[in-house]
Amino acid sequence: MTNNEELYSSLSNYLEILPSGCEKIAQMFREGNQDIAFKSINDFSDGIEWFVTITNHLNKNGYTINLEEEQLKMHLQEVNICLNNNDEVMLADLFEYELAPFFENIKIERKLS
């Protein structure tokens, strides 16, 4: 794995764009761009997997990241239910009103040397 400072920087940068990415997915659904929205959800899923892995690594190495994994899992389960039910309205609402604020509230603190 790369240097922890590089991971911290990458995670911070990703966290800055994550809420707006969630809002864009919601907007795509509302504007009728379902194909692009579903592709974006796949990308989102890959990004979240990376995000959780790096968060756990940094938390074990002296950084503090207040990720509430159980709450995230709950949100992702709701997304899966909506996907299975083809409920695009609820998907848009979840991304805009649940996931975007969830990621906006995550704080990352650097390790003190």
PDB file of N, CA and C in Angstrom:
ATOM      1  N   MET A   1       0.842  -1.182   0.000  1.00  0.00           N
ATOM      2  CA  MET A   1       0.000   0.000   0.000  1.00  0.00           C
ATOM      3  C   MET A   1       0.889   1.248   0.000  1.00  0.00           C
ATOM      4  N   THR A   2       0.373   2.300  -0.582  1.00  0.00           N
ATOM      5  CA  THR A   2       1.169   3.526  -0.666  1.00  0.00           C
ATOM      6  C   THR A   2       1.256   4.201   0.691  1.00  0.00           C
ATOM      7  N   ASN A   3       1.979   5.237   0.715  1.00  0.00           N
ATOM      8  CA  ASN A   3       2.194   6.057   1.893  1.00  0.00           C
ATOM      9  C   ASN A   3       0.855   6.515   2.496  1.00  0.00           C
ATOM     10  N   ASN A   4       0.754   6.487   3.813  1.00  0.00           N
ATOM     11  CA  ASN A   4      -0.487   6.885   4.490  1.00  0.00           C
ATOM     12  C   ASN A   4      -0.881   8.328   4.204  1.00  0.00           C
ATOM     13  N   GLU A   5       0.085   9.210   4.042  1.00  0.00           N
ATOM     14  CA  GLU A   5      -0.233  10.608   3.725  1.00  0.00           C
ATOM     15  C   GLU A   5      -0.865  10.729   2.344  1.00  0.00           C
ATOM     16  N   GLU A   6      -0.387   9.922   1.398  1.00  0.00           N
ATOM     17  CA  GLU A   6      -0.988   9.912   0.061  1.00  0.00           C
ATOM     18  C   GLU A   6      -2.413   9.378   0.121  1.00  0.00           C
ATOM     19  N   LEU A   7      -2.614   8.324   0.915  1.00  0.00           N
ATOM     20  CA  LEU A   7      -3.964   7.774   1.079  1.00  0.00           C
ATOM     21  C   LEU A   7      -4.887   8.795   1.731  1.00  0.00           C
ATOM     22  N   TYR A   8      -4.370   9.479   2.739  1.00  0.00           N
ATOM     23  CA  TYR A   8      -5.141  10.530   3.414  1.00  0.00           C
ATOM     24  C   TYR A   8      -5.553  11.602   2.416  1.00  0.00           C
ATOM     25  N   SER A   9      -4.622  12.029   1.593  1.00  0.00           N
ATOM     26  CA  SER A   9      -4.898  13.064   0.605  1.00  0.00           C
ATOM     27  C   SER A   9      -5.931  12.586  -0.418  1.00  0.00           C
ATOM     28  N   SER A  10      -5.767  11.375  -0.909  1.00  0.00           N
ATOM     29  CA  SER A  10      -6.718  10.816  -1.874  1.00  0.00           C
ATOM     30  C   SER A  10      -8.111  10.681  -1.265  1.00  0.00           C
ATOM     31  N   LEU A  11      -8.156  10.207  -0.029  1.00  0.00           N
ATOM     32  CA  LEU A  11      -9.440  10.048   0.656  1.00  0.00           C
ATOM     33  C   LEU A  11     -10.100  11.404   0.880  1.00  0.00           C
ATOM     34  N   SER A  12      -9.337  12.382   1.283  1.00  0.00           N
ATOM     35  CA  SER A  12      -9.876  13.737   1.494  1.00  0.00           C
ATOM     36  C   SER A  12     -10.436  14.306   0.192  1.00  0.00           C
ATOM     37  N   ASN A  13      -9.690  14.137  -0.896  1.00  0.00           N
ATOM     38  CA  ASN A  13     -10.146  14.629  -2.192  1.00  0.00           C
ATOM     39  C   ASN A  13     -11.425  13.924  -2.632  1.00  0.00           C
ATOM     40  N   TYR A  14     -11.479  12.621  -2.435  1.00  0.00           N
ATOM     41  CA  TYR A  14     -12.669  11.854  -2.816  1.00  0.00           C
ATOM     42  C   TYR A  14     -13.876  12.280  -1.983  1.00  0.00           C
ATOM     43  N   LEU A  15     -13.641  12.484  -0.697  1.00  0.00           N
ATOM     44  CA  LEU A  15     -14.729  12.888   0.193  1.00  0.00           C
ATOM     45  C   LEU A  15     -15.287  14.259  -0.179  1.00  0.00           C
ATOM     46  N   GLU A  16     -14.456  15.119  -0.732  1.00  0.00           N
ATOM     47  CA  GLU A  16     -14.920  16.441  -1.169  1.00  0.00           C
ATOM     48  C   GLU A  16     -15.903  16.353  -2.331  1.00  0.00           C
ATOM     49  N   ILE A  17     -15.707  15.393  -3.230  1.00  0.00           N
ATOM     50  CA  ILE A  17     -16.573  15.295  -4.409  1.00  0.00           C
ATOM     51  C   ILE A  17     -17.723  14.301  -4.239  1.00  0.00           C
ATOM     52  N   LEU A  18     -17.662  13.468  -3.224  1.00  0.00           N
ATOM     53  CA  LEU A  18     -18.666  12.420  -3.031  1.00  0.00           C
ATOM     54  C   LEU A  18     -20.085  12.964  -2.855  1.00  0.00           C
ATOM     55  N   PRO A  19     -20.317  13.963  -2.015  1.00  0.00           N
ATOM     56  CA  PRO A  19     -21.688  14.470  -1.873  1.00  0.00           C
ATOM     57  C   PRO A  19     -22.256  15.023  -3.185  1.00  0.00           C
ATOM     58  N   SER A  20     -21.458  15.771  -3.930  1.00  0.00           N
ATOM     59  CA  SER A  20     -21.962  16.316  -5.197  1.00  0.00           C
ATOM     60  C   SER A  20     -22.186  15.192  -6.207  1.00  0.00           C
ATOM     61  N   GLY A  21     -21.397  14.135  -6.141  1.00  0.00           N
ATOM     62  CA  GLY A  21     -21.614  12.973  -7.005  1.00  0.00           C
ATOM     63  C   GLY A  21     -22.947  12.308  -6.706  1.00  0.00           C
ATOM     64  N   CYS A  22     -23.283  12.213  -5.425  1.00  0.00           N
ATOM     65  CA  CYS A  22     -24.581  11.656  -5.033  1.00  0.00           C
ATOM     66  C   CYS A  22     -25.717  12.528  -5.559  1.00  0.00           C
ATOM     67  N   GLU A  23     -25.548  13.830  -5.456  1.00  0.00           N
ATOM     68  CA  GLU A  23     -26.571  14.749  -5.946  1.00  0.00           C
ATOM     69  C   GLU A  23     -26.710  14.665  -7.464  1.00  0.00           C
ATOM     70  N   LYS A  24     -25.613  14.447  -8.168  1.00  0.00           N
ATOM     71  CA  LYS A  24     -25.661  14.314  -9.629  1.00  0.00           C
ATOM     72  C   LYS A  24     -26.413  13.048 -10.032  1.00  0.00           C
ATOM     73  N   ILE A  25     -26.213  11.960  -9.295  1.00  0.00           N
ATOM     74  CA  ILE A  25     -26.950  10.725  -9.582  1.00  0.00           C
ATOM     75  C   ILE A  25     -28.445  10.985  -9.417  1.00  0.00           C
ATOM     76  N   ALA A  26     -28.830  11.658  -8.348  1.00  0.00           N
ATOM     77  CA  ALA A  26     -30.238  11.984  -8.128  1.00  0.00           C
ATOM     78  C   ALA A  26     -30.781  12.823  -9.285  1.00  0.00           C
ATOM     79  N   GLN A  27     -30.015  13.808  -9.691  1.00  0.00           N
ATOM     80  CA  GLN A  27     -30.429  14.695 -10.779  1.00  0.00           C
ATOM     81  C   GLN A  27     -30.599  13.906 -12.086  1.00  0.00           C
ATOM     82  N   MET A  28     -29.694  12.980 -12.355  1.00  0.00           N
ATOM     83  CA  MET A  28     -29.796  12.175 -13.574  1.00  0.00           C
ATOM     84  C   MET A  28     -31.107  11.394 -13.605  1.00  0.00           C
ATOM     85  N   PHE A  29     -31.470  10.798 -12.471  1.00  0.00           N
ATOM     86  CA  PHE A  29     -32.738  10.073 -12.415  1.00  0.00           C
ATOM     87  C   PHE A  29     -33.910  11.019 -12.661  1.00  0.00           C
ATOM     88  N   ARG A  30     -33.872  12.168 -12.042  1.00  0.00           N
ATOM     89  CA  ARG A  30     -34.992  13.113 -12.165  1.00  0.00           C
ATOM     90  C   ARG A  30     -35.107  13.700 -13.570  1.00  0.00           C
ATOM     91  N   GLU A  31     -33.993  13.743 -14.290  1.00  0.00           N
ATOM     92  CA  GLU A  31     -34.005  14.285 -15.648  1.00  0.00           C
ATOM     93  C   GLU A  31     -34.219  13.204 -16.704  1.00  0.00           C
ATOM     94  N   GLY A  32     -34.402  11.959 -16.272  1.00  0.00           N
ATOM     95  CA  GLY A  32     -34.674  10.878 -17.218  1.00  0.00           C
ATOM     96  C   GLY A  32     -33.448  10.236 -17.830  1.00  0.00           C
ATOM     97  N   ASN A  33     -32.286  10.477 -17.258  1.00  0.00           N
ATOM     98  CA  ASN A  33     -31.034   9.887 -17.754  1.00  0.00           C
ATOM     99  C   ASN A  33     -30.693   8.618 -16.987  1.00  0.00           C
ATOM    100  N   GLN A  34     -31.619   7.654 -17.011  1.00  0.00           N
ATOM    101  CA  GLN A  34     -31.475   6.444 -16.206  1.00  0.00           C
ATOM    102  C   GLN A  34     -30.229   5.633 -16.554  1.00  0.00           C
ATOM    103  N   ASP A  35     -29.913   5.510 -17.845  1.00  0.00           N
ATOM    104  CA  ASP A  35     -28.738   4.706 -18.223  1.00  0.00           C
ATOM    105  C   ASP A  35     -27.465   5.261 -17.593  1.00  0.00           C
ATOM    106  N   ILE A  36     -27.306   6.564 -17.676  1.00  0.00           N
ATOM    107  CA  ILE A  36     -26.120   7.197 -17.088  1.00  0.00           C
ATOM    108  C   ILE A  36     -26.172   7.094 -15.559  1.00  0.00           C
ATOM    109  N   ALA A  37     -27.354   7.245 -14.989  1.00  0.00           N
ATOM    110  CA  ALA A  37     -27.505   7.151 -13.530  1.00  0.00           C
ATOM    111  C   ALA A  37     -27.127   5.759 -13.030  1.00  0.00           C
ATOM    112  N   PHE A  38     -27.605   4.720 -13.720  1.00  0.00           N
ATOM    113  CA  PHE A  38     -27.275   3.361 -13.294  1.00  0.00           C
ATOM    114  C   PHE A  38     -25.780   3.080 -13.442  1.00  0.00           C
ATOM    115  N   LYS A  39     -25.160   3.585 -14.507  1.00  0.00           N
ATOM    116  CA  LYS A  39     -23.705   3.440 -14.673  1.00  0.00           C
ATOM    117  C   LYS A  39     -22.982   4.169 -13.540  1.00  0.00           C
ATOM    118  N   SER A  40     -23.494   5.335 -13.174  1.00  0.00           N
ATOM    119  CA  SER A  40     -22.884   6.108 -12.083  1.00  0.00           C
ATOM    120  C   SER A  40     -23.019   5.391 -10.748  1.00  0.00           C
ATOM    121  N   ILE A  41     -24.125   4.666 -10.548  1.00  0.00           N
ATOM    122  CA  ILE A  41     -24.281   3.892  -9.315  1.00  0.00           C
ATOM    123  C   ILE A  41     -23.240   2.782  -9.261  1.00  0.00           C
ATOM    124  N   ASN A  42     -22.940   2.158 -10.394  1.00  0.00           N
ATOM    125  CA  ASN A  42     -21.873   1.143 -10.419  1.00  0.00           C
ATOM    126  C   ASN A  42     -20.540   1.760 -10.026  1.00  0.00           C
ATOM    127  N   ASP A  43     -20.234   2.920 -10.592  1.00  0.00           N
ATOM    128  CA  ASP A  43     -18.989   3.622 -10.246  1.00  0.00           C
ATOM    129  C   ASP A  43     -18.986   4.003  -8.767  1.00  0.00           C
ATOM    130  N   PHE A  44     -20.126   4.487  -8.275  1.00  0.00           N
ATOM    131  CA  PHE A  44     -20.288   4.860  -6.874  1.00  0.00           C
ATOM    132  C   PHE A  44     -19.987   3.656  -5.982  1.00  0.00           C
ATOM    133  N   SER A  45     -20.526   2.511  -6.348  1.00  0.00           N
ATOM    134  CA  SER A  45     -20.324   1.290  -5.561  1.00  0.00           C
ATOM    135  C   SER A  45     -18.840   0.924  -5.476  1.00  0.00           C
ATOM    136  N   ASP A  46     -18.149   0.988  -6.606  1.00  0.00           N
ATOM    137  CA  ASP A  46     -16.707   0.718  -6.601  1.00  0.00           C
ATOM    138  C   ASP A  46     -15.968   1.728  -5.732  1.00  0.00           C
ATOM    139  N   GLY A  47     -16.344   2.991  -5.837  1.00  0.00           N
ATOM    140  CA  GLY A  47     -15.708   4.038  -5.050  1.00  0.00           C
ATOM    141  C   GLY A  47     -15.933   3.859  -3.559  1.00  0.00           C
ATOM    142  N   ILE A  48     -17.134   3.441  -3.189  1.00  0.00           N
ATOM    143  CA  ILE A  48     -17.442   3.241  -1.767  1.00  0.00           C
ATOM    144  C   ILE A  48     -16.643   2.073  -1.207  1.00  0.00           C
ATOM    145  N   GLU A  49     -16.478   1.042  -1.997  1.00  0.00           N
ATOM    146  CA  GLU A  49     -15.661  -0.092  -1.544  1.00  0.00           C
ATOM    147  C   GLU A  49     -14.237   0.374  -1.251  1.00  0.00           C
ATOM    148  N   TRP A  50     -13.659   1.161  -2.159  1.00  0.00           N
ATOM    149  CA  TRP A  50     -12.320   1.720  -1.959  1.00  0.00           C
ATOM    150  C   TRP A  50     -12.316   2.629  -0.730  1.00  0.00           C
ATOM    151  N   PHE A  51     -13.314   3.499  -0.620  1.00  0.00           N
ATOM    152  CA  PHE A  51     -13.412   4.456   0.475  1.00  0.00           C
ATOM    153  C   PHE A  51     -13.414   3.750   1.836  1.00  0.00           C
ATOM    154  N   VAL A  52     -14.211   2.702   1.976  1.00  0.00           N
ATOM    155  CA  VAL A  52     -14.296   1.972   3.250  1.00  0.00           C
ATOM    156  C   VAL A  52     -12.971   1.274   3.551  1.00  0.00           C
ATOM    157  N   THR A  53     -12.362   0.678   2.549  1.00  0.00           N
ATOM    158  CA  THR A  53     -11.076  -0.006   2.743  1.00  0.00           C
ATOM    159  C   THR A  53     -10.008   0.972   3.230  1.00  0.00           C
ATOM    160  N   ILE A  54      -9.900   2.113   2.573  1.00  0.00           N
ATOM    161  CA  ILE A  54      -8.880   3.101   2.939  1.00  0.00           C
ATOM    162  C   ILE A  54      -9.200   3.722   4.306  1.00  0.00           C
ATOM    163  N   THR A  55     -10.469   3.973   4.563  1.00  0.00           N
ATOM    164  CA  THR A  55     -10.877   4.522   5.867  1.00  0.00           C
ATOM    165  C   THR A  55     -10.457   3.583   6.990  1.00  0.00           C
ATOM    166  N   ASN A  56     -10.744   2.302   6.836  1.00  0.00           N
ATOM    167  CA  ASN A  56     -10.371   1.333   7.868  1.00  0.00           C
ATOM    168  C   ASN A  56      -8.861   1.258   8.048  1.00  0.00           C
ATOM    169  N   HIS A  57      -8.134   1.305   6.941  1.00  0.00           N
ATOM    170  CA  HIS A  57      -6.664   1.284   7.020  1.00  0.00           C
ATOM    171  C   HIS A  57      -6.145   2.507   7.789  1.00  0.00           C
ATOM    172  N   LEU A  58      -6.643   3.684   7.421  1.00  0.00           N
ATOM    173  CA  LEU A  58      -6.159   4.905   8.085  1.00  0.00           C
ATOM    174  C   LEU A  58      -6.565   4.952   9.553  1.00  0.00           C
ATOM    175  N   ASN A  59      -7.773   4.494   9.865  1.00  0.00           N
ATOM    176  CA  ASN A  59      -8.198   4.468  11.268  1.00  0.00           C
ATOM    177  C   ASN A  59      -7.293   3.572  12.110  1.00  0.00           C
ATOM    178  N   LYS A  60      -6.747   2.534  11.516  1.00  0.00           N
ATOM    179  CA  LYS A  60      -5.839   1.631  12.231  1.00  0.00           C
ATOM    180  C   LYS A  60      -4.420   2.190  12.320  1.00  0.00           C
ATOM    181  N   ASN A  61      -4.172   3.273  11.596  1.00  0.00           N
ATOM    182  CA  ASN A  61      -2.822   3.824  11.539  1.00  0.00           C
ATOM    183  C   ASN A  61      -2.753   5.262  12.027  1.00  0.00           C
ATOM    184  N   GLY A  62      -3.559   5.577  13.040  1.00  0.00           N
ATOM    185  CA  GLY A  62      -3.411   6.851  13.726  1.00  0.00           C
ATOM    186  C   GLY A  62      -4.259   7.992  13.210  1.00  0.00           C
ATOM    187  N   TYR A  63      -5.081   7.764  12.207  1.00  0.00           N
ATOM    188  CA  TYR A  63      -5.971   8.813  11.708  1.00  0.00           C
ATOM    189  C   TYR A  63      -7.349   8.606  12.322  1.00  0.00           C
ATOM    190  N   THR A  64      -8.141   9.653  12.320  1.00  0.00           N
ATOM    191  CA  THR A  64      -9.496   9.552  12.848  1.00  0.00           C
ATOM    192  C   THR A  64     -10.473   9.942  11.747  1.00  0.00           C
ATOM    193  N   ILE A  65     -11.291   8.974  11.359  1.00  0.00           N
ATOM    194  CA  ILE A  65     -12.314   9.197  10.339  1.00  0.00           C
ATOM    195  C   ILE A  65     -13.617   8.666  10.927  1.00  0.00           C
ATOM    196  N   ASN A  66     -14.590   9.557  11.062  1.00  0.00           N
ATOM    197  CA  ASN A  66     -15.819   9.192  11.766  1.00  0.00           C
ATOM    198  C   ASN A  66     -16.854   8.543  10.837  1.00  0.00           C
ATOM    199  N   LEU A  67     -16.450   7.490  10.139  1.00  0.00           N
ATOM    200  CA  LEU A  67     -17.355   6.770   9.258  1.00  0.00           C
ATOM    201  C   LEU A  67     -18.220   5.833  10.083  1.00  0.00           C
ATOM    202  N   GLU A  68     -19.517   6.015  10.000  1.00  0.00           N
ATOM    203  CA  GLU A  68     -20.456   5.119  10.672  1.00  0.00           C
ATOM    204  C   GLU A  68     -20.833   4.029   9.679  1.00  0.00           C
ATOM    205  N   GLU A  69     -20.056   2.935   9.720  1.00  0.00           N
ATOM    206  CA  GLU A  69     -20.215   1.877   8.725  1.00  0.00           C
ATOM    207  C   GLU A  69     -21.595   1.238   8.757  1.00  0.00           C
ATOM    208  N   GLU A  70     -22.160   1.067   9.935  1.00  0.00           N
ATOM    209  CA  GLU A  70     -23.485   0.443  10.010  1.00  0.00           C
ATOM    210  C   GLU A  70     -24.540   1.316   9.332  1.00  0.00           C
ATOM    211  N   GLN A  71     -24.448   2.616   9.516  1.00  0.00           N
ATOM    212  CA  GLN A  71     -25.385   3.521   8.864  1.00  0.00           C
ATOM    213  C   GLN A  71     -25.175   3.492   7.346  1.00  0.00           C
ATOM    214  N   LEU A  72     -23.925   3.450   6.909  1.00  0.00           N
ATOM    215  CA  LEU A  72     -23.638   3.355   5.482  1.00  0.00           C
ATOM    216  C   LEU A  72     -24.214   2.062   4.910  1.00  0.00           C
ATOM    217  N   LYS A  73     -24.012   0.952   5.616  1.00  0.00           N
ATOM    218  CA  LYS A  73     -24.569  -0.329   5.158  1.00  0.00           C
ATOM    219  C   LYS A  73     -26.082  -0.245   5.031  1.00  0.00           C
ATOM    220  N   MET A  74     -26.733   0.413   5.979  1.00  0.00           N
ATOM    221  CA  MET A  74     -28.182   0.570   5.938  1.00  0.00           C
ATOM    222  C   MET A  74     -28.597   1.345   4.679  1.00  0.00           C
ATOM    223  N   HIS A  75     -27.896   2.444   4.405  1.00  0.00           N
ATOM    224  CA  HIS A  75     -28.195   3.237   3.209  1.00  0.00           C
ATOM    225  C   HIS A  75     -27.985   2.407   1.937  1.00  0.00           C
ATOM    226  N   LEU A  76     -26.916   1.633   1.897  1.00  0.00           N
ATOM    227  CA  LEU A  76     -26.630   0.824   0.711  1.00  0.00           C
ATOM    228  C   LEU A  76     -27.651  -0.298   0.534  1.00  0.00           C
ATOM    229  N   GLN A  77     -28.143  -0.837   1.638  1.00  0.00           N
ATOM    230  CA  GLN A  77     -29.213  -1.831   1.550  1.00  0.00           C
ATOM    231  C   GLN A  77     -30.484  -1.206   0.982  1.00  0.00           C
ATOM    232  N   GLU A  78     -30.767   0.028   1.388  1.00  0.00           N
ATOM    233  CA  GLU A  78     -31.929   0.730   0.847  1.00  0.00           C
ATOM    234  C   GLU A  78     -31.763   0.966  -0.650  1.00  0.00           C
ATOM    235  N   VAL A  79     -30.548   1.311  -1.077  1.00  0.00           N
ATOM    236  CA  VAL A  79     -30.276   1.488  -2.507  1.00  0.00           C
ATOM    237  C   VAL A  79     -30.541   0.179  -3.249  1.00  0.00           C
ATOM    238  N   ASN A  80     -30.052  -0.940  -2.703  1.00  0.00           N
ATOM    239  CA  ASN A  80     -30.271  -2.235  -3.352  1.00  0.00           C
ATOM    240  C   ASN A  80     -31.754  -2.581  -3.451  1.00  0.00           C
ATOM    241  N   ILE A  81     -32.507  -2.298  -2.416  1.00  0.00           N
ATOM    242  CA  ILE A  81     -33.951  -2.554  -2.456  1.00  0.00           C
ATOM    243  C   ILE A  81     -34.599  -1.737  -3.566  1.00  0.00           C
ATOM    244  N   CYS A  82     -34.231  -0.468  -3.658  1.00  0.00           N
ATOM    245  CA  CYS A  82     -34.777   0.397  -4.713  1.00  0.00           C
ATOM    246  C   CYS A  82     -34.373  -0.094  -6.098  1.00  0.00           C
ATOM    247  N   LEU A  83     -33.131  -0.544  -6.236  1.00  0.00           N
ATOM    248  CA  LEU A  83     -32.681  -1.081  -7.519  1.00  0.00           C
ATOM    249  C   LEU A  83     -33.495  -2.316  -7.897  1.00  0.00           C
ATOM    250  N   ASN A  84     -33.690  -3.209  -6.929  1.00  0.00           N
ATOM    251  CA  ASN A  84     -34.469  -4.424  -7.188  1.00  0.00           C
ATOM    252  C   ASN A  84     -35.919  -4.112  -7.537  1.00  0.00           C
ATOM    253  N   ASN A  85     -36.459  -3.038  -6.978  1.00  0.00           N
ATOM    254  CA  ASN A  85     -37.853  -2.652  -7.224  1.00  0.00           C
ATOM    255  C   ASN A  85     -37.995  -1.660  -8.377  1.00  0.00           C
ATOM    256  N   ASN A  86     -36.873  -1.318  -9.010  1.00  0.00           N
ATOM    257  CA  ASN A  86     -36.878  -0.311 -10.086  1.00  0.00           C
ATOM    258  C   ASN A  86     -37.550   0.990  -9.645  1.00  0.00           C
ATOM    259  N   ASP A  87     -37.296   1.380  -8.412  1.00  0.00           N
ATOM    260  CA  ASP A  87     -37.895   2.596  -7.848  1.00  0.00           C
ATOM    261  C   ASP A  87     -36.921   3.760  -8.004  1.00  0.00           C
ATOM    262  N   GLU A  88     -36.962   4.387  -9.169  1.00  0.00           N
ATOM    263  CA  GLU A  88     -36.019   5.453  -9.488  1.00  0.00           C
ATOM    264  C   GLU A  88     -36.280   6.728  -8.688  1.00  0.00           C
ATOM    265  N   VAL A  89     -37.514   6.972  -8.333  1.00  0.00           N
ATOM    266  CA  VAL A  89     -37.843   8.153  -7.523  1.00  0.00           C
ATOM    267  C   VAL A  89     -37.213   8.017  -6.139  1.00  0.00           C
ATOM    268  N   MET A  90     -37.355   6.847  -5.540  1.00  0.00           N
ATOM    269  CA  MET A  90     -36.763   6.629  -4.218  1.00  0.00           C
ATOM    270  C   MET A  90     -35.239   6.614  -4.297  1.00  0.00           C
ATOM    271  N   LEU A  91     -34.678   6.082  -5.383  1.00  0.00           N
ATOM    272  CA  LEU A  91     -33.219   6.121  -5.556  1.00  0.00           C
ATOM    273  C   LEU A  91     -32.726   7.559  -5.572  1.00  0.00           C
ATOM    274  N   ALA A  92     -33.402   8.398  -6.344  1.00  0.00           N
ATOM    275  CA  ALA A  92     -33.009   9.809  -6.405  1.00  0.00           C
ATOM    276  C   ALA A  92     -33.083  10.439  -5.022  1.00  0.00           C
ATOM    277  N   ASP A  93     -34.161  10.164  -4.300  1.00  0.00           N
ATOM    278  CA  ASP A  93     -34.310  10.717  -2.946  1.00  0.00           C
ATOM    279  C   ASP A  93     -33.212  10.223  -2.012  1.00  0.00           C
ATOM    280  N   LEU A  94     -32.885   8.932  -2.088  1.00  0.00           N
ATOM    281  CA  LEU A  94     -31.830   8.381  -1.227  1.00  0.00           C
ATOM    282  C   LEU A  94     -30.482   9.048  -1.487  1.00  0.00           C
ATOM    283  N   PHE A  95     -30.153   9.207  -2.763  1.00  0.00           N
ATOM    284  CA  PHE A  95     -28.861   9.813  -3.080  1.00  0.00           C
ATOM    285  C   PHE A  95     -28.812  11.284  -2.680  1.00  0.00           C
ATOM    286  N   GLU A  96     -29.912  11.996  -2.868  1.00  0.00           N
ATOM    287  CA  GLU A  96     -29.900  13.424  -2.545  1.00  0.00           C
ATOM    288  C   GLU A  96     -30.080  13.716  -1.064  1.00  0.00           C
ATOM    289  N   TYR A  97     -31.013  13.023  -0.418  1.00  0.00           N
ATOM    290  CA  TYR A  97     -31.396  13.389   0.949  1.00  0.00           C
ATOM    291  C   TYR A  97     -30.790  12.518   2.048  1.00  0.00           C
ATOM    292  N   GLU A  98     -30.233  11.384   1.676  1.00  0.00           N
ATOM    293  CA  GLU A  98     -29.623  10.501   2.682  1.00  0.00           C
ATOM    294  C   GLU A  98     -28.100  10.387   2.480  1.00  0.00           C
ATOM    295  N   LEU A  99     -27.693   9.978   1.293  1.00  0.00           N
ATOM    296  CA  LEU A  99     -26.273   9.715   1.070  1.00  0.00           C
ATOM    297  C   LEU A  99     -25.433  10.984   0.977  1.00  0.00           C
ATOM    298  N   ALA A 100     -25.880  11.986   0.239  1.00  0.00           N
ATOM    299  CA  ALA A 100     -25.086  13.221   0.135  1.00  0.00           C
ATOM    300  C   ALA A 100     -24.830  13.831   1.517  1.00  0.00           C
ATOM    301  N   PRO A 101     -25.874  14.016   2.354  1.00  0.00           N
ATOM    302  CA  PRO A 101     -25.606  14.572   3.694  1.00  0.00           C
ATOM    303  C   PRO A 101     -24.754  13.632   4.564  1.00  0.00           C
ATOM    304  N   PHE A 102     -24.935  12.325   4.397  1.00  0.00           N
ATOM    305  CA  PHE A 102     -24.142  11.363   5.160  1.00  0.00           C
ATOM    306  C   PHE A 102     -22.656  11.603   4.908  1.00  0.00           C
ATOM    307  N   PHE A 103     -22.272  11.736   3.640  1.00  0.00           N
ATOM    308  CA  PHE A 103     -20.857  11.934   3.309  1.00  0.00           C
ATOM    309  C   PHE A 103     -20.374  13.340   3.658  1.00  0.00           C
ATOM    310  N   GLU A 104     -21.253  14.322   3.612  1.00  0.00           N
ATOM    311  CA  GLU A 104     -20.871  15.684   4.011  1.00  0.00           C
ATOM    312  C   GLU A 104     -20.481  15.746   5.481  1.00  0.00           C
ATOM    313  N   ASN A 105     -21.039  14.862   6.292  1.00  0.00           N
ATOM    314  CA  ASN A 105     -20.802  14.890   7.735  1.00  0.00           C
ATOM    315  C   ASN A 105     -19.590  14.080   8.187  1.00  0.00           C
ATOM    316  N   ILE A 106     -18.928  13.411   7.272  1.00  0.00           N
ATOM    317  CA  ILE A 106     -17.735  12.631   7.644  1.00  0.00           C
ATOM    318  C   ILE A 106     -16.551  13.585   7.777  1.00  0.00           C
ATOM    319  N   LYS A 107     -15.859  13.456   8.878  1.00  0.00           N
ATOM    320  CA  LYS A 107     -14.684  14.283   9.144  1.00  0.00           C
ATOM    321  C   LYS A 107     -13.440  13.413   9.191  1.00  0.00           C
ATOM    322  N   ILE A 108     -12.373  13.929   8.637  1.00  0.00           N
ATOM    323  CA  ILE A 108     -11.090  13.232   8.639  1.00  0.00           C
ATOM    324  C   ILE A 108     -10.073  14.097   9.373  1.00  0.00           C
ATOM    325  N   GLU A 109      -9.404  13.489  10.345  1.00  0.00           N
ATOM    326  CA  GLU A 109      -8.369  14.202  11.080  1.00  0.00           C
ATOM    327  C   GLU A 109      -7.034  13.531  10.833  1.00  0.00           C
ATOM    328  N   ARG A 110      -6.039  14.362  10.591  1.00  0.00           N
ATOM    329  CA  ARG A 110      -4.682  13.863  10.379  1.00  0.00           C
ATOM    330  C   ARG A 110      -4.079  13.317  11.652  1.00  0.00           C
ATOM    331  N   LYS A 111      -3.224  12.376  11.445  1.00  0.00           N
ATOM    332  CA  LYS A 111      -2.423  11.812  12.528  1.00  0.00           C
ATOM    333  C   LYS A 111      -1.504  12.906  13.058  1.00  0.00           C
ATOM    334  N   LEU A 112      -1.434  13.008  14.341  1.00  0.00           N
ATOM    335  CA  LEU A 112      -0.504  13.967  14.949  1.00  0.00           C
ATOM    336  C   LEU A 112       0.865  13.303  15.078  1.00  0.00           C
ATOM    337  N   SER A 113       1.872  13.987  14.579  1.00  0.00           N
ATOM    338  CA  SER A 113       3.233  13.409  14.635  1.00  0.00           C
ATOM    339  C   SER A 113       3.966  13.915  15.849  1.00  0.00           C
TER     340      SER A 113
END
